Amino acid sequence: MQPQYITTDLELESLYDLTPIAQELGNNLVVNFCGEVGDRHGAFFGLFQEESVATDISFYCDLIDKLSGPSRKLFESCTRIDFDIGYEAGDEVNKGRSPISTDVLTRVIKNHGNIIITIYPHGTYKF
């Protein structure tokens, strides 16, 4: 099996409770976690259906762009905004590719986000 794209998660961290964002995004995303993480607050989101890295990041950005005023202000106060792209490592020599256009990267930058790449060992990621 060659390396393959699994999913992209949106991970937020803040000094403030992120419940309003989780409530607002909860109809369109899977809320994997929302609560305290040590002395901070975290909210971690997943997708109901994955397509491609670029499409999935664009979907998140569309939802972020539509946040209400108070939730948008809370989002902008986040100390960490990660678009965590997950791949399953393959066992073939062939490479896997997931292009991300400059338009999508511009949207990530506009939202003060980071791109994180997570590689799961072959056979360990639970679908």
C-alpha atoms as a PDB file:
ATOM      1  CA  MET A   1       0.000   0.000   0.000  1.00  0.00           C
ATOM      2  CA  GLN A   2       1.322   3.448  -0.856  1.00  0.00           C
ATOM      3  CA  PRO A   3       1.054   6.321   1.657  1.00  0.00           C
ATOM      4  CA  GLN A   4      -2.459   7.728   1.668  1.00  0.00           C
ATOM      5  CA  TYR A   5      -4.307  10.735   2.980  1.00  0.00           C
ATOM      6  CA  ILE A   6      -6.642   9.938   5.877  1.00  0.00           C
ATOM      7  CA  THR A   7      -8.139  13.177   7.183  1.00  0.00           C
ATOM      8  CA  THR A   8      -7.496  16.722   8.349  1.00  0.00           C
ATOM      9  CA  ASP A   9      -8.430  17.807  11.866  1.00  0.00           C
ATOM     10  CA  LEU A  10      -8.835  21.359  13.110  1.00  0.00           C
ATOM     11  CA  GLU A  11      -7.257  21.850  16.534  1.00  0.00           C
ATOM     12  CA  LEU A  12      -7.745  25.027  18.549  1.00  0.00           C
ATOM     13  CA  GLU A  13      -6.217  26.125  21.834  1.00  0.00           C
ATOM     14  CA  SER A  14      -7.085  29.239  23.801  1.00  0.00           C
ATOM     15  CA  LEU A  15      -6.943  30.909  27.183  1.00  0.00           C
ATOM     16  CA  TYR A  16     -10.754  31.096  26.961  1.00  0.00           C
ATOM     17  CA  ASP A  17     -13.564  28.541  26.881  1.00  0.00           C
ATOM     18  CA  LEU A  18     -14.104  27.436  23.262  1.00  0.00           C
ATOM     19  CA  THR A  19     -17.590  26.001  23.815  1.00  0.00           C
ATOM     20  CA  PRO A  20     -19.300  28.739  21.740  1.00  0.00           C
ATOM     21  CA  ILE A  21     -17.184  27.793  18.713  1.00  0.00           C
ATOM     22  CA  ALA A  22     -17.841  24.078  19.261  1.00  0.00           C
ATOM     23  CA  GLN A  23     -21.570  24.735  19.486  1.00  0.00           C
ATOM     24  CA  GLU A  24     -21.530  26.819  16.325  1.00  0.00           C
ATOM     25  CA  LEU A  25     -19.443  24.365  14.290  1.00  0.00           C
ATOM     26  CA  GLY A  26     -20.982  21.213  15.774  1.00  0.00           C
ATOM     27  CA  ASN A  27     -23.664  20.824  13.101  1.00  0.00           C
ATOM     28  CA  ASN A  28     -21.066  20.651  10.329  1.00  0.00           C
ATOM     29  CA  LEU A  29     -18.111  18.999  12.057  1.00  0.00           C
ATOM     30  CA  VAL A  30     -17.435  16.200  14.499  1.00  0.00           C
ATOM     31  CA  VAL A  31     -16.488  17.722  17.854  1.00  0.00           C
ATOM     32  CA  ASN A  32     -13.789  15.296  18.997  1.00  0.00           C
ATOM     33  CA  PHE A  33     -13.094  17.252  22.187  1.00  0.00           C
ATOM     34  CA  CYS A  34     -13.960  20.573  23.791  1.00  0.00           C
ATOM     35  CA  GLY A  35     -12.749  21.367  27.278  1.00  0.00           C
ATOM     36  CA  GLU A  36      -9.820  22.132  29.503  1.00  0.00           C
ATOM     37  CA  VAL A  37      -6.326  21.020  28.555  1.00  0.00           C
ATOM     38  CA  GLY A  38      -4.112  21.843  31.500  1.00  0.00           C
ATOM     39  CA  ASP A  39      -4.314  25.597  32.055  1.00  0.00           C
ATOM     40  CA  ARG A  40      -5.849  26.229  28.606  1.00  0.00           C
ATOM     41  CA  HIS A  41      -8.943  25.291  26.662  1.00  0.00           C
ATOM     42  CA  GLY A  42      -8.970  23.123  23.571  1.00  0.00           C
ATOM     43  CA  ALA A  43     -11.428  22.256  20.830  1.00  0.00           C
ATOM     44  CA  PHE A  44     -10.615  19.541  18.309  1.00  0.00           C
ATOM     45  CA  PHE A  45     -12.759  18.950  15.241  1.00  0.00           C
ATOM     46  CA  GLY A  46     -12.984  16.257  12.584  1.00  0.00           C
ATOM     47  CA  LEU A  47     -14.868  15.825   9.352  1.00  0.00           C
ATOM     48  CA  PHE A  48     -17.917  13.681   8.646  1.00  0.00           C
ATOM     49  CA  GLN A  49     -16.471  12.839   5.229  1.00  0.00           C
ATOM     50  CA  GLU A  50     -12.974  13.344   3.848  1.00  0.00           C
ATOM     51  CA  GLU A  51     -12.224  14.303   0.248  1.00  0.00           C
ATOM     52  CA  SER A  52      -8.739  15.749  -0.318  1.00  0.00           C
ATOM     53  CA  VAL A  53      -6.359  17.835   1.752  1.00  0.00           C
ATOM     54  CA  ALA A  54      -7.150  21.026  -0.158  1.00  0.00           C
ATOM     55  CA  THR A  55     -10.924  20.455  -0.199  1.00  0.00           C
ATOM     56  CA  ASP A  56     -11.021  19.595   3.500  1.00  0.00           C
ATOM     57  CA  ILE A  57      -8.968  22.631   4.551  1.00  0.00           C
ATOM     58  CA  SER A  58     -11.151  24.839   2.353  1.00  0.00           C
ATOM     59  CA  PHE A  59     -14.252  23.401   4.045  1.00  0.00           C
ATOM     60  CA  TYR A  60     -12.859  24.321   7.469  1.00  0.00           C
ATOM     61  CA  CYS A  61     -11.974  27.822   6.228  1.00  0.00           C
ATOM     62  CA  ASP A  62     -15.501  28.277   4.822  1.00  0.00           C
ATOM     63  CA  LEU A  63     -16.944  27.478   8.251  1.00  0.00           C
ATOM     64  CA  ILE A  64     -14.450  29.729  10.026  1.00  0.00           C
ATOM     65  CA  ASP A  65     -15.333  32.581   7.651  1.00  0.00           C
ATOM     66  CA  LYS A  66     -19.019  32.173   8.596  1.00  0.00           C
ATOM     67  CA  LEU A  67     -18.508  32.296  12.384  1.00  0.00           C
ATOM     68  CA  SER A  68     -20.700  34.821  14.173  1.00  0.00           C
ATOM     69  CA  GLY A  69     -19.038  37.998  15.481  1.00  0.00           C
ATOM     70  CA  PRO A  70     -18.492  36.759  19.062  1.00  0.00           C
ATOM     71  CA  SER A  71     -17.265  33.334  17.928  1.00  0.00           C
ATOM     72  CA  ARG A  72     -14.972  34.902  15.343  1.00  0.00           C
ATOM     73  CA  LYS A  73     -13.450  37.141  18.013  1.00  0.00           C
ATOM     74  CA  LEU A  74     -12.960  34.086  20.243  1.00  0.00           C
ATOM     75  CA  PHE A  75     -11.388  32.198  17.306  1.00  0.00           C
ATOM     76  CA  GLU A  76      -8.972  35.072  16.707  1.00  0.00           C
ATOM     77  CA  SER A  77      -7.900  34.895  20.364  1.00  0.00           C
ATOM     78  CA  CYS A  78      -6.709  31.288  19.941  1.00  0.00           C
ATOM     79  CA  THR A  79      -3.078  30.701  20.787  1.00  0.00           C
ATOM     80  CA  ARG A  80      -2.952  27.669  18.479  1.00  0.00           C
ATOM     81  CA  ILE A  81      -4.862  27.001  15.260  1.00  0.00           C
ATOM     82  CA  ASP A  82      -3.660  23.824  13.582  1.00  0.00           C
ATOM     83  CA  PHE A  83      -4.870  22.135  10.433  1.00  0.00           C
ATOM     84  CA  ASP A  84      -3.508  18.662  11.223  1.00  0.00           C
ATOM     85  CA  ILE A  85      -3.233  16.594   8.051  1.00  0.00           C
ATOM     86  CA  GLY A  86      -3.110  12.852   8.699  1.00  0.00           C
ATOM     87  CA  TYR A  87      -1.553  10.247   6.445  1.00  0.00           C
ATOM     88  CA  GLU A  88      -1.139   6.529   6.813  1.00  0.00           C
ATOM     89  CA  ALA A  89       2.391   5.477   5.912  1.00  0.00           C
ATOM     90  CA  GLY A  90       2.566   2.895   3.221  1.00  0.00           C
ATOM     91  CA  ASP A  91       4.691  -0.153   2.829  1.00  0.00           C
ATOM     92  CA  GLU A  92       5.514   0.495  -0.845  1.00  0.00           C
ATOM     93  CA  VAL A  93       8.343   2.495  -2.316  1.00  0.00           C
ATOM     94  CA  ASN A  94       5.816   4.642  -4.224  1.00  0.00           C
ATOM     95  CA  LYS A  95       5.174   8.092  -2.867  1.00  0.00           C
ATOM     96  CA  GLY A  96       1.815   9.639  -2.064  1.00  0.00           C
ATOM     97  CA  ARG A  97       1.026  13.240  -2.967  1.00  0.00           C
ATOM     98  CA  SER A  98      -1.547  15.735  -1.720  1.00  0.00           C
ATOM     99  CA  PRO A  99      -1.233  19.124  -3.414  1.00  0.00           C
ATOM    100  CA  ILE A 100      -2.312  22.247  -1.563  1.00  0.00           C
ATOM    101  CA  SER A 101      -2.708  25.315  -3.766  1.00  0.00           C
ATOM    102  CA  THR A 102      -1.449  28.756  -2.829  1.00  0.00           C
ATOM    103  CA  ASP A 103      -5.109  29.861  -2.658  1.00  0.00           C
ATOM    104  CA  VAL A 104      -5.794  27.325   0.108  1.00  0.00           C
ATOM    105  CA  LEU A 105      -2.535  28.186   1.892  1.00  0.00           C
ATOM    106  CA  THR A 106      -3.508  31.862   1.738  1.00  0.00           C
ATOM    107  CA  ARG A 107      -6.779  31.013   3.499  1.00  0.00           C
ATOM    108  CA  VAL A 108      -4.870  29.146   6.231  1.00  0.00           C
ATOM    109  CA  ILE A 109      -2.578  32.154   6.697  1.00  0.00           C
ATOM    110  CA  LYS A 110      -5.566  34.542   6.740  1.00  0.00           C
ATOM    111  CA  ASN A 111      -6.957  32.496   9.637  1.00  0.00           C
ATOM    112  CA  HIS A 112      -3.574  32.497  11.449  1.00  0.00           C
ATOM    113  CA  GLY A 113      -3.375  28.730  11.074  1.00  0.00           C
ATOM    114  CA  ASN A 114      -0.518  26.281  10.950  1.00  0.00           C
ATOM    115  CA  ILE A 115      -0.183  23.209   8.754  1.00  0.00           C
ATOM    116  CA  ILE A 116       0.754  20.104  10.729  1.00  0.00           C
ATOM    117  CA  ILE A 117       1.543  16.749   9.085  1.00  0.00           C
ATOM    118  CA  THR A 118       0.944  13.573  11.101  1.00  0.00           C
ATOM    119  CA  ILE A 119       2.131  10.242   9.699  1.00  0.00           C
ATOM    120  CA  TYR A 120       0.502   7.155  11.210  1.00  0.00           C
ATOM    121  CA  PRO A 121       2.382   3.859  10.930  1.00  0.00           C
ATOM    122  CA  HIS A 122       0.782   1.475   8.433  1.00  0.00           C
ATOM    123  CA  GLY A 123      -2.109  -0.405  10.013  1.00  0.00           C
ATOM    124  CA  THR A 124      -2.372   1.645  13.231  1.00  0.00           C
ATOM    125  CA  TYR A 125      -4.968   4.275  12.255  1.00  0.00           C
ATOM    126  CA  LYS A 126      -8.532   3.203  13.132  1.00  0.00           C
ATOM    127  CA  PHE A 127     -11.029   4.260  10.462  1.00  0.00           C
END
